[in-house]
Amino acid sequence: MRQISSPATFKDSYIAEVKEELAKEGIQVFKVRKPVPGKKSRKLRTPKHIKVILREAILELLKEKEVPTYKKIKQKALEIYKAKRQQQESIVDKYYGLWKIEDKNLVDKIALDEEIYYEI
């Protein structure tokens, strides 16, 4: 999973899907498109980790009594993602000092290297 650094990561189709799901649950979200009879399901499905963040962003905007426009939802979702990211403990911080290495960047390179395999 790549790190999210832009509000553009949250695509409009992802937001629309989450808004439709919220409408089915009875949560009133503004401007939800009605399903077209005979139309197939969405081609682009929302990843689960993004769906959770978008859902939380929409509900938070509704609590703040703001109209959840796509732009506001994307910005709020990025804020929520960054806040969650800061709360998680870094792998480097967790294992730093396990080996007597002074260069913290070396530990970072080892942790992110895709060619190294670990056995447990």
PDB file of N, CA and C in Angstrom:
ATOM      1  N   MET A   1       0.842  -1.166   0.000  1.00  0.00           N
ATOM      2  CA  MET A   1       0.000   0.000   0.000  1.00  0.00           C
ATOM      3  C   MET A   1       0.898   1.243   0.000  1.00  0.00           C
ATOM      4  N   ARG A   2       0.673   2.114  -0.983  1.00  0.00           N
ATOM      5  CA  ARG A   2       1.463   3.332  -1.091  1.00  0.00           C
ATOM      6  C   ARG A   2       0.973   4.381  -0.106  1.00  0.00           C
ATOM      7  N   GLN A   3       1.879   5.273   0.240  1.00  0.00           N
ATOM      8  CA  GLN A   3       1.522   6.364   1.135  1.00  0.00           C
ATOM      9  C   GLN A   3       0.724   7.407   0.355  1.00  0.00           C
ATOM     10  N   ILE A   4      -0.315   7.931   0.947  1.00  0.00           N
ATOM     11  CA  ILE A   4      -1.169   8.927   0.304  1.00  0.00           C
ATOM     12  C   ILE A   4      -0.620  10.303   0.616  1.00  0.00           C
ATOM     13  N   SER A   5      -0.382  11.104  -0.440  1.00  0.00           N
ATOM     14  CA  SER A   5       0.180  12.434  -0.228  1.00  0.00           C
ATOM     15  C   SER A   5      -0.629  13.530  -0.905  1.00  0.00           C
ATOM     16  N   SER A   6      -1.717  13.174  -1.563  1.00  0.00           N
ATOM     17  CA  SER A   6      -2.504  14.161  -2.292  1.00  0.00           C
ATOM     18  C   SER A   6      -3.992  13.863  -2.159  1.00  0.00           C
ATOM     19  N   PRO A   7      -4.824  14.912  -2.107  1.00  0.00           N
ATOM     20  CA  PRO A   7      -6.268  14.672  -2.053  1.00  0.00           C
ATOM     21  C   PRO A   7      -6.798  14.030  -3.335  1.00  0.00           C
ATOM     22  N   ALA A   8      -6.044  14.142  -4.422  1.00  0.00           N
ATOM     23  CA  ALA A   8      -6.470  13.562  -5.698  1.00  0.00           C
ATOM     24  C   ALA A   8      -6.475  12.030  -5.658  1.00  0.00           C
ATOM     25  N   THR A   9      -5.845  11.443  -4.655  1.00  0.00           N
ATOM     26  CA  THR A   9      -5.840   9.991  -4.502  1.00  0.00           C
ATOM     27  C   THR A   9      -7.253   9.469  -4.275  1.00  0.00           C
ATOM     28  N   PHE A  10      -8.074  10.278  -3.620  1.00  0.00           N
ATOM     29  CA  PHE A  10      -9.450   9.893  -3.346  1.00  0.00           C
ATOM     30  C   PHE A  10     -10.297  10.263  -4.563  1.00  0.00           C
ATOM     31  N   LYS A  11     -10.496   9.321  -5.451  1.00  0.00           N
ATOM     32  CA  LYS A  11     -11.204   9.556  -6.711  1.00  0.00           C
ATOM     33  C   LYS A  11     -12.686   9.837  -6.464  1.00  0.00           C
ATOM     34  N   ASP A  12     -13.272  10.580  -7.414  1.00  0.00           N
ATOM     35  CA  ASP A  12     -14.688  10.920  -7.316  1.00  0.00           C
ATOM     36  C   ASP A  12     -15.563   9.669  -7.294  1.00  0.00           C
ATOM     37  N   SER A  13     -15.169   8.658  -8.053  1.00  0.00           N
ATOM     38  CA  SER A  13     -15.975   7.432  -8.081  1.00  0.00           C
ATOM     39  C   SER A  13     -15.929   6.718  -6.730  1.00  0.00           C
ATOM     40  N   TYR A  14     -14.792   6.815  -6.020  1.00  0.00           N
ATOM     41  CA  TYR A  14     -14.701   6.233  -4.684  1.00  0.00           C
ATOM     42  C   TYR A  14     -15.678   6.933  -3.736  1.00  0.00           C
ATOM     43  N   ILE A  15     -15.694   8.270  -3.822  1.00  0.00           N
ATOM     44  CA  ILE A  15     -16.574   9.056  -2.953  1.00  0.00           C
ATOM     45  C   ILE A  15     -18.030   8.746  -3.261  1.00  0.00           C
ATOM     46  N   ALA A  16     -18.361   8.654  -4.550  1.00  0.00           N
ATOM     47  CA  ALA A  16     -19.741   8.361  -4.943  1.00  0.00           C
ATOM     48  C   ALA A  16     -20.189   7.007  -4.399  1.00  0.00           C
ATOM     49  N   GLU A  17     -19.319   6.017  -4.459  1.00  0.00           N
ATOM     50  CA  GLU A  17     -19.659   4.686  -3.949  1.00  0.00           C
ATOM     51  C   GLU A  17     -19.918   4.716  -2.451  1.00  0.00           C
ATOM     52  N   VAL A  18     -19.072   5.423  -1.713  1.00  0.00           N
ATOM     53  CA  VAL A  18     -19.246   5.515  -0.261  1.00  0.00           C
ATOM     54  C   VAL A  18     -20.526   6.274   0.070  1.00  0.00           C
ATOM     55  N   LYS A  19     -20.815   7.343  -0.678  1.00  0.00           N
ATOM     56  CA  LYS A  19     -22.046   8.106  -0.444  1.00  0.00           C
ATOM     57  C   LYS A  19     -23.280   7.250  -0.705  1.00  0.00           C
ATOM     58  N   GLU A  20     -23.230   6.419  -1.740  1.00  0.00           N
ATOM     59  CA  GLU A  20     -24.353   5.523  -2.033  1.00  0.00           C
ATOM     60  C   GLU A  20     -24.559   4.518  -0.903  1.00  0.00           C
ATOM     61  N   GLU A  21     -23.467   3.980  -0.362  1.00  0.00           N
ATOM     62  CA  GLU A  21     -23.568   3.026   0.739  1.00  0.00           C
ATOM     63  C   GLU A  21     -24.146   3.691   1.984  1.00  0.00           C
ATOM     64  N   LEU A  22     -23.736   4.924   2.247  1.00  0.00           N
ATOM     65  CA  LEU A  22     -24.272   5.649   3.395  1.00  0.00           C
ATOM     66  C   LEU A  22     -25.760   5.925   3.218  1.00  0.00           C
ATOM     67  N   ALA A  23     -26.171   6.236   1.993  1.00  0.00           N
ATOM     68  CA  ALA A  23     -27.588   6.493   1.717  1.00  0.00           C
ATOM     69  C   ALA A  23     -28.417   5.225   1.940  1.00  0.00           C
ATOM     70  N   LYS A  24     -27.858   4.062   1.593  1.00  0.00           N
ATOM     71  CA  LYS A  24     -28.560   2.795   1.820  1.00  0.00           C
ATOM     72  C   LYS A  24     -28.734   2.514   3.305  1.00  0.00           C
ATOM     73  N   GLU A  25     -27.791   2.998   4.118  1.00  0.00           N
ATOM     74  CA  GLU A  25     -27.862   2.804   5.563  1.00  0.00           C
ATOM     75  C   GLU A  25     -28.788   3.812   6.236  1.00  0.00           C
ATOM     76  N   GLY A  26     -29.305   4.746   5.451  1.00  0.00           N
ATOM     77  CA  GLY A  26     -30.240   5.727   6.000  1.00  0.00           C
ATOM     78  C   GLY A  26     -29.594   7.027   6.432  1.00  0.00           C
ATOM     79  N   ILE A  27     -28.299   7.187   6.186  1.00  0.00           N
ATOM     80  CA  ILE A  27     -27.614   8.431   6.524  1.00  0.00           C
ATOM     81  C   ILE A  27     -27.783   9.370   5.336  1.00  0.00           C
ATOM     82  N   GLN A  28     -28.389  10.526   5.583  1.00  0.00           N
ATOM     83  CA  GLN A  28     -28.706  11.429   4.483  1.00  0.00           C
ATOM     84  C   GLN A  28     -27.451  12.173   4.045  1.00  0.00           C
ATOM     85  N   VAL A  29     -27.040  11.903   2.820  1.00  0.00           N
ATOM     86  CA  VAL A  29     -25.907  12.573   2.203  1.00  0.00           C
ATOM     87  C   VAL A  29     -26.453  13.330   1.001  1.00  0.00           C
ATOM     88  N   PHE A  30     -26.020  14.548   0.824  1.00  0.00           N
ATOM     89  CA  PHE A  30     -26.547  15.384  -0.237  1.00  0.00           C
ATOM     90  C   PHE A  30     -26.138  14.884  -1.620  1.00  0.00           C
ATOM     91  N   LYS A  31     -27.041  15.006  -2.566  1.00  0.00           N
ATOM     92  CA  LYS A  31     -26.820  14.716  -3.986  1.00  0.00           C
ATOM     93  C   LYS A  31     -26.269  13.317  -4.247  1.00  0.00           C
ATOM     94  N   VAL A  32     -27.045  12.334  -3.917  1.00  0.00           N
ATOM     95  CA  VAL A  32     -26.678  10.949  -4.216  1.00  0.00           C
ATOM     96  C   VAL A  32     -27.454  10.526  -5.450  1.00  0.00           C
ATOM     97  N   ARG A  33     -26.734  10.008  -6.431  1.00  0.00           N
ATOM     98  CA  ARG A  33     -27.357   9.587  -7.672  1.00  0.00           C
ATOM     99  C   ARG A  33     -28.148   8.305  -7.445  1.00  0.00           C
ATOM    100  N   LYS A  34     -29.316   8.254  -8.046  1.00  0.00           N
ATOM    101  CA  LYS A  34     -30.133   7.043  -7.949  1.00  0.00           C
ATOM    102  C   LYS A  34     -29.568   5.998  -8.908  1.00  0.00           C
ATOM    103  N   PRO A  35     -29.611   4.725  -8.525  1.00  0.00           N
ATOM    104  CA  PRO A  35     -29.105   3.688  -9.431  1.00  0.00           C
ATOM    105  C   PRO A  35     -29.970   3.580 -10.686  1.00  0.00           C
ATOM    106  N   VAL A  36     -29.317   3.393 -11.817  1.00  0.00           N
ATOM    107  CA  VAL A  36     -30.010   3.258 -13.090  1.00  0.00           C
ATOM    108  C   VAL A  36     -30.393   1.790 -13.270  1.00  0.00           C
ATOM    109  N   PRO A  37     -31.664   1.513 -13.551  1.00  0.00           N
ATOM    110  CA  PRO A  37     -32.067   0.115 -13.739  1.00  0.00           C
ATOM    111  C   PRO A  37     -31.344  -0.521 -14.937  1.00  0.00           C
ATOM    112  N   GLY A  38     -30.874  -1.725 -14.753  1.00  0.00           N
ATOM    113  CA  GLY A  38     -30.201  -2.456 -15.827  1.00  0.00           C
ATOM    114  C   GLY A  38     -28.735  -2.125 -15.981  1.00  0.00           C
ATOM    115  N   LYS A  39     -28.229  -1.163 -15.215  1.00  0.00           N
ATOM    116  CA  LYS A  39     -26.819  -0.806 -15.317  1.00  0.00           C
ATOM    117  C   LYS A  39     -25.979  -1.752 -14.466  1.00  0.00           C
ATOM    118  N   LYS A  40     -24.842  -2.133 -14.993  1.00  0.00           N
ATOM    119  CA  LYS A  40     -23.944  -3.031 -14.264  1.00  0.00           C
ATOM    120  C   LYS A  40     -23.327  -2.307 -13.073  1.00  0.00           C
ATOM    121  N   SER A  41     -22.711  -3.071 -12.205  1.00  0.00           N
ATOM    122  CA  SER A  41     -22.057  -2.483 -11.034  1.00  0.00           C
ATOM    123  C   SER A  41     -20.837  -1.667 -11.472  1.00  0.00           C
ATOM    124  N   ARG A  42     -20.266  -0.984 -10.546  1.00  0.00           N
ATOM    125  CA  ARG A  42     -19.120  -0.111 -10.829  1.00  0.00           C
ATOM    126  C   ARG A  42     -17.929  -0.896 -11.372  1.00  0.00           C
ATOM    127  N   LYS A  43     -17.243  -0.257 -12.318  1.00  0.00           N
ATOM    128  CA  LYS A  43     -16.039  -0.875 -12.874  1.00  0.00           C
ATOM    129  C   LYS A  43     -14.864  -0.729 -11.905  1.00  0.00           C
ATOM    130  N   LEU A  44     -14.793   0.429 -11.267  1.00  0.00           N
ATOM    131  CA  LEU A  44     -13.692   0.730 -10.357  1.00  0.00           C
ATOM    132  C   LEU A  44     -14.204   0.668  -8.926  1.00  0.00           C
ATOM    133  N   ARG A  45     -13.790  -0.352  -8.192  1.00  0.00           N
ATOM    134  CA  ARG A  45     -14.230  -0.542  -6.812  1.00  0.00           C
ATOM    135  C   ARG A  45     -13.302   0.223  -5.854  1.00  0.00           C
ATOM    136  N   THR A  46     -13.859   0.687  -4.773  1.00  0.00           N
ATOM    137  CA  THR A  46     -13.088   1.430  -3.781  1.00  0.00           C
ATOM    138  C   THR A  46     -12.306   0.461  -2.901  1.00  0.00           C
ATOM    139  N   PRO A  47     -10.977   0.661  -2.770  1.00  0.00           N
ATOM    140  CA  PRO A  47     -10.204  -0.187  -1.856  1.00  0.00           C
ATOM    141  C   PRO A  47     -10.704  -0.006  -0.417  1.00  0.00           C
ATOM    142  N   LYS A  48     -10.622  -1.078   0.363  1.00  0.00           N
ATOM    143  CA  LYS A  48     -11.177  -1.067   1.718  1.00  0.00           C
ATOM    144  C   LYS A  48     -10.545  -0.005   2.610  1.00  0.00           C
ATOM    145  N   HIS A  49      -9.212   0.151   2.515  1.00  0.00           N
ATOM    146  CA  HIS A  49      -8.546   1.121   3.391  1.00  0.00           C
ATOM    147  C   HIS A  49      -8.941   2.559   3.043  1.00  0.00           C
ATOM    148  N   ILE A  50      -9.245   2.824   1.791  1.00  0.00           N
ATOM    149  CA  ILE A  50      -9.685   4.159   1.376  1.00  0.00           C
ATOM    150  C   ILE A  50     -11.160   4.359   1.732  1.00  0.00           C
ATOM    151  N   LYS A  51     -11.949   3.303   1.618  1.00  0.00           N
ATOM    152  CA  LYS A  51     -13.379   3.385   1.933  1.00  0.00           C
ATOM    153  C   LYS A  51     -13.582   3.786   3.397  1.00  0.00           C
ATOM    154  N   VAL A  52     -12.794   3.238   4.293  1.00  0.00           N
ATOM    155  CA  VAL A  52     -12.905   3.553   5.720  1.00  0.00           C
ATOM    156  C   VAL A  52     -12.604   5.035   5.961  1.00  0.00           C
ATOM    157  N   ILE A  53     -11.564   5.539   5.315  1.00  0.00           N
ATOM    158  CA  ILE A  53     -11.170   6.937   5.493  1.00  0.00           C
ATOM    159  C   ILE A  53     -12.230   7.873   4.917  1.00  0.00           C
ATOM    160  N   LEU A  54     -12.747   7.566   3.722  1.00  0.00           N
ATOM    161  CA  LEU A  54     -13.770   8.412   3.106  1.00  0.00           C
ATOM    162  C   LEU A  54     -15.051   8.425   3.933  1.00  0.00           C
ATOM    163  N   ARG A  55     -15.435   7.276   4.435  1.00  0.00           N
ATOM    164  CA  ARG A  55     -16.644   7.189   5.260  1.00  0.00           C
ATOM    165  C   ARG A  55     -16.500   8.068   6.508  1.00  0.00           C
ATOM    166  N   GLU A  56     -15.347   7.979   7.136  1.00  0.00           N
ATOM    167  CA  GLU A  56     -15.087   8.778   8.334  1.00  0.00           C
ATOM    168  C   GLU A  56     -15.087  10.274   8.003  1.00  0.00           C
ATOM    169  N   ALA A  57     -14.528  10.647   6.846  1.00  0.00           N
ATOM    170  CA  ALA A  57     -14.478  12.054   6.435  1.00  0.00           C
ATOM    171  C   ALA A  57     -15.884  12.605   6.189  1.00  0.00           C
ATOM    172  N   ILE A  58     -16.723  11.838   5.502  1.00  0.00           N
ATOM    173  CA  ILE A  58     -18.086  12.288   5.212  1.00  0.00           C
ATOM    174  C   ILE A  58     -18.882  12.444   6.506  1.00  0.00           C
ATOM    175  N   LEU A  59     -18.783  11.471   7.385  1.00  0.00           N
ATOM    176  CA  LEU A  59     -19.524  11.539   8.653  1.00  0.00           C
ATOM    177  C   LEU A  59     -19.048  12.706   9.517  1.00  0.00           C
ATOM    178  N   GLU A  60     -17.752  12.972   9.478  1.00  0.00           N
ATOM    179  CA  GLU A  60     -17.224  14.091  10.253  1.00  0.00           C
ATOM    180  C   GLU A  60     -17.709  15.430   9.690  1.00  0.00           C
ATOM    181  N   LEU A  61     -17.758  15.547   8.369  1.00  0.00           N
ATOM    182  CA  LEU A  61     -18.278  16.777   7.752  1.00  0.00           C
ATOM    183  C   LEU A  61     -19.757  16.968   8.078  1.00  0.00           C
ATOM    184  N   LEU A  62     -20.513  15.891   8.094  1.00  0.00           N
ATOM    185  CA  LEU A  62     -21.932  15.988   8.438  1.00  0.00           C
ATOM    186  C   LEU A  62     -22.114  16.411   9.895  1.00  0.00           C
ATOM    187  N   LYS A  63     -21.248  15.939  10.781  1.00  0.00           N
ATOM    188  CA  LYS A  63     -21.320  16.332  12.191  1.00  0.00           C
ATOM    189  C   LYS A  63     -21.025  17.824  12.354  1.00  0.00           C
ATOM    190  N   GLU A  64     -20.128  18.342  11.499  1.00  0.00           N
ATOM    191  CA  GLU A  64     -19.762  19.754  11.558  1.00  0.00           C
ATOM    192  C   GLU A  64     -20.792  20.636  10.854  1.00  0.00           C
ATOM    193  N   LYS A  65     -21.876  20.036  10.377  1.00  0.00           N
ATOM    194  CA  LYS A  65     -22.966  20.747   9.691  1.00  0.00           C
ATOM    195  C   LYS A  65     -22.493  21.422   8.403  1.00  0.00           C
ATOM    196  N   GLU A  66     -21.539  20.797   7.708  1.00  0.00           N
ATOM    197  CA  GLU A  66     -21.059  21.306   6.433  1.00  0.00           C
ATOM    198  C   GLU A  66     -21.611  20.437   5.312  1.00  0.00           C
ATOM    199  N   VAL A  67     -21.793  21.055   4.143  1.00  0.00           N
ATOM    200  CA  VAL A  67     -22.223  20.300   2.972  1.00  0.00           C
ATOM    201  C   VAL A  67     -21.006  19.526   2.475  1.00  0.00           C
ATOM    202  N   PRO A  68     -21.077  18.191   2.438  1.00  0.00           N
ATOM    203  CA  PRO A  68     -19.900  17.403   2.036  1.00  0.00           C
ATOM    204  C   PRO A  68     -19.688  17.410   0.523  1.00  0.00           C
ATOM    205  N   THR A  69     -19.045  18.468   0.021  1.00  0.00           N
ATOM    206  CA  THR A  69     -18.707  18.512  -1.398  1.00  0.00           C
ATOM    207  C   THR A  69     -17.513  17.585  -1.632  1.00  0.00           C
ATOM    208  N   TYR A  70     -17.290  17.248  -2.884  1.00  0.00           N
ATOM    209  CA  TYR A  70     -16.187  16.339  -3.203  1.00  0.00           C
ATOM    210  C   TYR A  70     -14.850  16.929  -2.757  1.00  0.00           C
ATOM    211  N   LYS A  71     -14.664  18.223  -2.970  1.00  0.00           N
ATOM    212  CA  LYS A  71     -13.403  18.866  -2.605  1.00  0.00           C
ATOM    213  C   LYS A  71     -13.191  18.817  -1.090  1.00  0.00           C
ATOM    214  N   LYS A  72     -14.233  19.127  -0.325  1.00  0.00           N
ATOM    215  CA  LYS A  72     -14.114  19.097   1.136  1.00  0.00           C
ATOM    216  C   LYS A  72     -13.886  17.673   1.647  1.00  0.00           C
ATOM    217  N   ILE A  73     -14.565  16.710   1.021  1.00  0.00           N
ATOM    218  CA  ILE A  73     -14.389  15.309   1.428  1.00  0.00           C
ATOM    219  C   ILE A  73     -12.952  14.867   1.192  1.00  0.00           C
ATOM    220  N   LYS A  74     -12.390  15.230   0.039  1.00  0.00           N
ATOM    221  CA  LYS A  74     -11.007  14.846  -0.276  1.00  0.00           C
ATOM    222  C   LYS A  74     -10.030  15.469   0.711  1.00  0.00           C
ATOM    223  N   GLN A  75     -10.225  16.746   1.032  1.00  0.00           N
ATOM    224  CA  GLN A  75      -9.327  17.422   1.964  1.00  0.00           C
ATOM    225  C   GLN A  75      -9.433  16.820   3.366  1.00  0.00           C
ATOM    226  N   LYS A  76     -10.648  16.574   3.813  1.00  0.00           N
ATOM    227  CA  LYS A  76     -10.864  15.997   5.149  1.00  0.00           C
ATOM    228  C   LYS A  76     -10.294  14.578   5.216  1.00  0.00           C
ATOM    229  N   ALA A  77     -10.462  13.807   4.138  1.00  0.00           N
ATOM    230  CA  ALA A  77      -9.935  12.441   4.096  1.00  0.00           C
ATOM    231  C   ALA A  77      -8.409  12.441   4.192  1.00  0.00           C
ATOM    232  N   LEU A  78      -7.768  13.397   3.524  1.00  0.00           N
ATOM    233  CA  LEU A  78      -6.308  13.486   3.596  1.00  0.00           C
ATOM    234  C   LEU A  78      -5.870  13.853   5.016  1.00  0.00           C
ATOM    235  N   GLU A  79      -6.597  14.761   5.672  1.00  0.00           N
ATOM    236  CA  GLU A  79      -6.285  15.129   7.054  1.00  0.00           C
ATOM    237  C   GLU A  79      -6.422  13.914   7.976  1.00  0.00           C
ATOM    238  N   ILE A  80      -7.491  13.155   7.801  1.00  0.00           N
ATOM    239  CA  ILE A  80      -7.714  11.964   8.630  1.00  0.00           C
ATOM    240  C   ILE A  80      -6.616  10.935   8.386  1.00  0.00           C
ATOM    241  N   TYR A  81      -6.253  10.736   7.121  1.00  0.00           N
ATOM    242  CA  TYR A  81      -5.193   9.777   6.789  1.00  0.00           C
ATOM    243  C   TYR A  81      -3.878  10.172   7.455  1.00  0.00           C
ATOM    244  N   LYS A  82      -3.528  11.456   7.369  1.00  0.00           N
ATOM    245  CA  LYS A  82      -2.265  11.918   7.955  1.00  0.00           C
ATOM    246  C   LYS A  82      -2.284  11.772   9.477  1.00  0.00           C
ATOM    247  N   ALA A  83      -3.425  12.054  10.100  1.00  0.00           N
ATOM    248  CA  ALA A  83      -3.527  11.908  11.553  1.00  0.00           C
ATOM    249  C   ALA A  83      -3.359  10.444  11.967  1.00  0.00           C
ATOM    250  N   LYS A  84      -3.985   9.524  11.221  1.00  0.00           N
ATOM    251  CA  LYS A  84      -3.840   8.096  11.530  1.00  0.00           C
ATOM    252  C   LYS A  84      -2.414   7.629  11.309  1.00  0.00           C
ATOM    253  N   ARG A  85      -1.789   8.162  10.277  1.00  0.00           N
ATOM    254  CA  ARG A  85      -0.419   7.779   9.931  1.00  0.00           C
ATOM    255  C   ARG A  85       0.546   8.190  11.051  1.00  0.00           C
ATOM    256  N   GLN A  86       0.313   9.366  11.640  1.00  0.00           N
ATOM    257  CA  GLN A  86       1.183   9.837  12.717  1.00  0.00           C
ATOM    258  C   GLN A  86       1.006   9.008  13.984  1.00  0.00           C
ATOM    259  N   GLN A  87      -0.196   8.487  14.198  1.00  0.00           N
ATOM    260  CA  GLN A  87      -0.459   7.699  15.397  1.00  0.00           C
ATOM    261  C   GLN A  87       0.210   6.329  15.339  1.00  0.00           C
ATOM    262  N   GLN A  88       0.386   5.803  14.125  1.00  0.00           N
ATOM    263  CA  GLN A  88       1.000   4.487  13.991  1.00  0.00           C
ATOM    264  C   GLN A  88       2.489   4.576  14.318  1.00  0.00           C
ATOM    265  N   GLU A  89       2.970   3.562  14.972  1.00  0.00           N
ATOM    266  CA  GLU A  89       4.385   3.521  15.314  1.00  0.00           C
ATOM    267  C   GLU A  89       5.195   3.159  14.075  1.00  0.00           C
ATOM    268  N   SER A  90       6.237   3.896  13.826  1.00  0.00           N
ATOM    269  CA  SER A  90       7.095   3.652  12.677  1.00  0.00           C
ATOM    270  C   SER A  90       7.878   2.355  12.878  1.00  0.00           C
ATOM    271  N   ILE A  91       8.044   1.600  11.811  1.00  0.00           N
ATOM    272  CA  ILE A  91       8.828   0.364  11.879  1.00  0.00           C
ATOM    273  C   ILE A  91      10.268   0.681  12.243  1.00  0.00           C
ATOM    274  N   VAL A  92      10.774   1.778  11.694  1.00  0.00           N
ATOM    275  CA  VAL A  92      12.149   2.174  11.986  1.00  0.00           C
ATOM    276  C   VAL A  92      12.296   2.507  13.466  1.00  0.00           C
ATOM    277  N   ASP A  93      11.353   3.281  14.006  1.00  0.00           N
ATOM    278  CA  ASP A  93      11.428   3.642  15.423  1.00  0.00           C
ATOM    279  C   ASP A  93      11.286   2.408  16.313  1.00  0.00           C
ATOM    280  N   LYS A  94      10.476   1.456  15.877  1.00  0.00           N
ATOM    281  CA  LYS A  94      10.242   0.254  16.670  1.00  0.00           C
ATOM    282  C   LYS A  94      11.504  -0.595  16.796  1.00  0.00           C
ATOM    283  N   TYR A  95      12.244  -0.747  15.695  1.00  0.00           N
ATOM    284  CA  TYR A  95      13.407  -1.628  15.694  1.00  0.00           C
ATOM    285  C   TYR A  95      14.738  -0.886  15.724  1.00  0.00           C
ATOM    286  N   TYR A  96      14.698   0.427  15.752  1.00  0.00           N
ATOM    287  CA  TYR A  96      15.946   1.191  15.799  1.00  0.00           C
ATOM    288  C   TYR A  96      16.663   0.917  17.118  1.00  0.00           C
ATOM    289  N   GLY A  97      17.912   0.612  17.037  1.00  0.00           N
ATOM    290  CA  GLY A  97      18.685   0.303  18.228  1.00  0.00           C
ATOM    291  C   GLY A  97      18.800  -1.187  18.487  1.00  0.00           C
ATOM    292  N   LEU A  98      18.067  -2.008  17.730  1.00  0.00           N
ATOM    293  CA  LEU A  98      18.152  -3.453  17.871  1.00  0.00           C
ATOM    294  C   LEU A  98      19.543  -3.930  17.462  1.00  0.00           C
ATOM    295  N   TRP A  99      20.065  -3.335  16.399  1.00  0.00           N
ATOM    296  CA  TRP A  99      21.434  -3.585  15.964  1.00  0.00           C
ATOM    297  C   TRP A  99      22.224  -2.322  16.252  1.00  0.00           C
ATOM    298  N   LYS A 100      23.467  -2.445  16.496  1.00  0.00           N
ATOM    299  CA  LYS A 100      24.302  -1.284  16.811  1.00  0.00           C
ATOM    300  C   LYS A 100      24.667  -0.540  15.524  1.00  0.00           C
ATOM    301  N   ILE A 101      23.695   0.185  14.974  1.00  0.00           N
ATOM    302  CA  ILE A 101      23.891   0.951  13.749  1.00  0.00           C
ATOM    303  C   ILE A 101      23.604   2.411  14.074  1.00  0.00           C
ATOM    304  N   GLU A 102      24.514   3.273  13.696  1.00  0.00           N
ATOM    305  CA  GLU A 102      24.349   4.696  13.998  1.00  0.00           C
ATOM    306  C   GLU A 102      23.524   5.414  12.924  1.00  0.00           C
ATOM    307  N   ASP A 103      23.561   4.924  11.691  1.00  0.00           N
ATOM    308  CA  ASP A 103      22.886   5.604  10.576  1.00  0.00           C
ATOM    309  C   ASP A 103      21.426   5.159  10.503  1.00  0.00           C
ATOM    310  N   LYS A 104      20.511   6.047  10.841  1.00  0.00           N
ATOM    311  CA  LYS A 104      19.080   5.725  10.838  1.00  0.00           C
ATOM    312  C   LYS A 104      18.575   5.499   9.407  1.00  0.00           C
ATOM    313  N   ASN A 105      19.192   6.138   8.426  1.00  0.00           N
ATOM    314  CA  ASN A 105      18.791   5.951   7.030  1.00  0.00           C
ATOM    315  C   ASN A 105      19.080   4.533   6.551  1.00  0.00           C
ATOM    316  N   LEU A 106      20.120   3.909   7.078  1.00  0.00           N
ATOM    317  CA  LEU A 106      20.436   2.538   6.698  1.00  0.00           C
ATOM    318  C   LEU A 106      19.331   1.592   7.144  1.00  0.00           C
ATOM    319  N   VAL A 107      18.825   1.796   8.343  1.00  0.00           N
ATOM    320  CA  VAL A 107      17.727   0.969   8.847  1.00  0.00           C
ATOM    321  C   VAL A 107      16.488   1.169   7.967  1.00  0.00           C
ATOM    322  N   ASP A 108      16.240   2.405   7.566  1.00  0.00           N
ATOM    323  CA  ASP A 108      15.114   2.723   6.683  1.00  0.00           C
ATOM    324  C   ASP A 108      15.259   1.996   5.346  1.00  0.00           C
ATOM    325  N   LYS A 109      16.437   2.018   4.767  1.00  0.00           N
ATOM    326  CA  LYS A 109      16.678   1.345   3.487  1.00  0.00           C
ATOM    327  C   LYS A 109      16.469  -0.161   3.607  1.00  0.00           C
ATOM    328  N   ILE A 110      16.920  -0.741   4.692  1.00  0.00           N
ATOM    329  CA  ILE A 110      16.765  -2.182   4.902  1.00  0.00           C
ATOM    330  C   ILE A 110      15.287  -2.530   5.065  1.00  0.00           C
ATOM    331  N   ALA A 111      14.556  -1.716   5.812  1.00  0.00           N
ATOM    332  CA  ALA A 111      13.133  -1.995   6.062  1.00  0.00           C
ATOM    333  C   ALA A 111      12.310  -1.884   4.790  1.00  0.00           C
ATOM    334  N   LEU A 112      12.685  -0.993   3.881  1.00  0.00           N
ATOM    335  CA  LEU A 112      11.906  -0.770   2.659  1.00  0.00           C
ATOM    336  C   LEU A 112      12.443  -1.519   1.444  1.00  0.00           C
ATOM    337  N   ASP A 113      13.560  -2.225   1.591  1.00  0.00           N
ATOM    338  CA  ASP A 113      14.145  -2.948   0.468  1.00  0.00           C
ATOM    339  C   ASP A 113      13.287  -4.136   0.080  1.00  0.00           C
ATOM    340  N   GLU A 114      12.875  -4.186  -1.184  1.00  0.00           N
ATOM    341  CA  GLU A 114      11.991  -5.259  -1.654  1.00  0.00           C
ATOM    342  C   GLU A 114      12.750  -6.533  -2.024  1.00  0.00           C
ATOM    343  N   GLU A 115      14.056  -6.439  -2.119  1.00  0.00           N
ATOM    344  CA  GLU A 115      14.834  -7.610  -2.517  1.00  0.00           C
ATOM    345  C   GLU A 115      15.290  -8.453  -1.316  1.00  0.00           C
ATOM    346  N   ILE A 116      15.086  -7.953  -0.122  1.00  0.00           N
ATOM    347  CA  ILE A 116      15.481  -8.696   1.080  1.00  0.00           C
ATOM    348  C   ILE A 116      14.270  -9.473   1.582  1.00  0.00           C
ATOM    349  N   TYR A 117      14.468 -10.736   1.855  1.00  0.00           N
ATOM    350  CA  TYR A 117      13.388 -11.589   2.368  1.00  0.00           C
ATOM    351  C   TYR A 117      13.681 -11.962   3.799  1.00  0.00           C
ATOM    352  N   TYR A 118      12.665 -11.971   4.612  1.00  0.00           N
ATOM    353  CA  TYR A 118      12.820 -12.282   6.022  1.00  0.00           C
ATOM    354  C   TYR A 118      12.135 -13.604   6.328  1.00  0.00           C
ATOM    355  N   GLU A 119      12.752 -14.399   7.176  1.00  0.00           N
ATOM    356  CA  GLU A 119      12.152 -15.654   7.608  1.00  0.00           C
ATOM    357  C   GLU A 119      11.790 -15.528   9.078  1.00  0.00           C
ATOM    358  N   ILE A 120      10.635 -16.042   9.417  1.00  0.00           N
ATOM    359  CA  ILE A 120      10.180 -15.970  10.799  1.00  0.00           C
ATOM    360  C   ILE A 120      10.168 -17.359  11.388  1.00  0.00           C
TER     361      ILE A 120
END
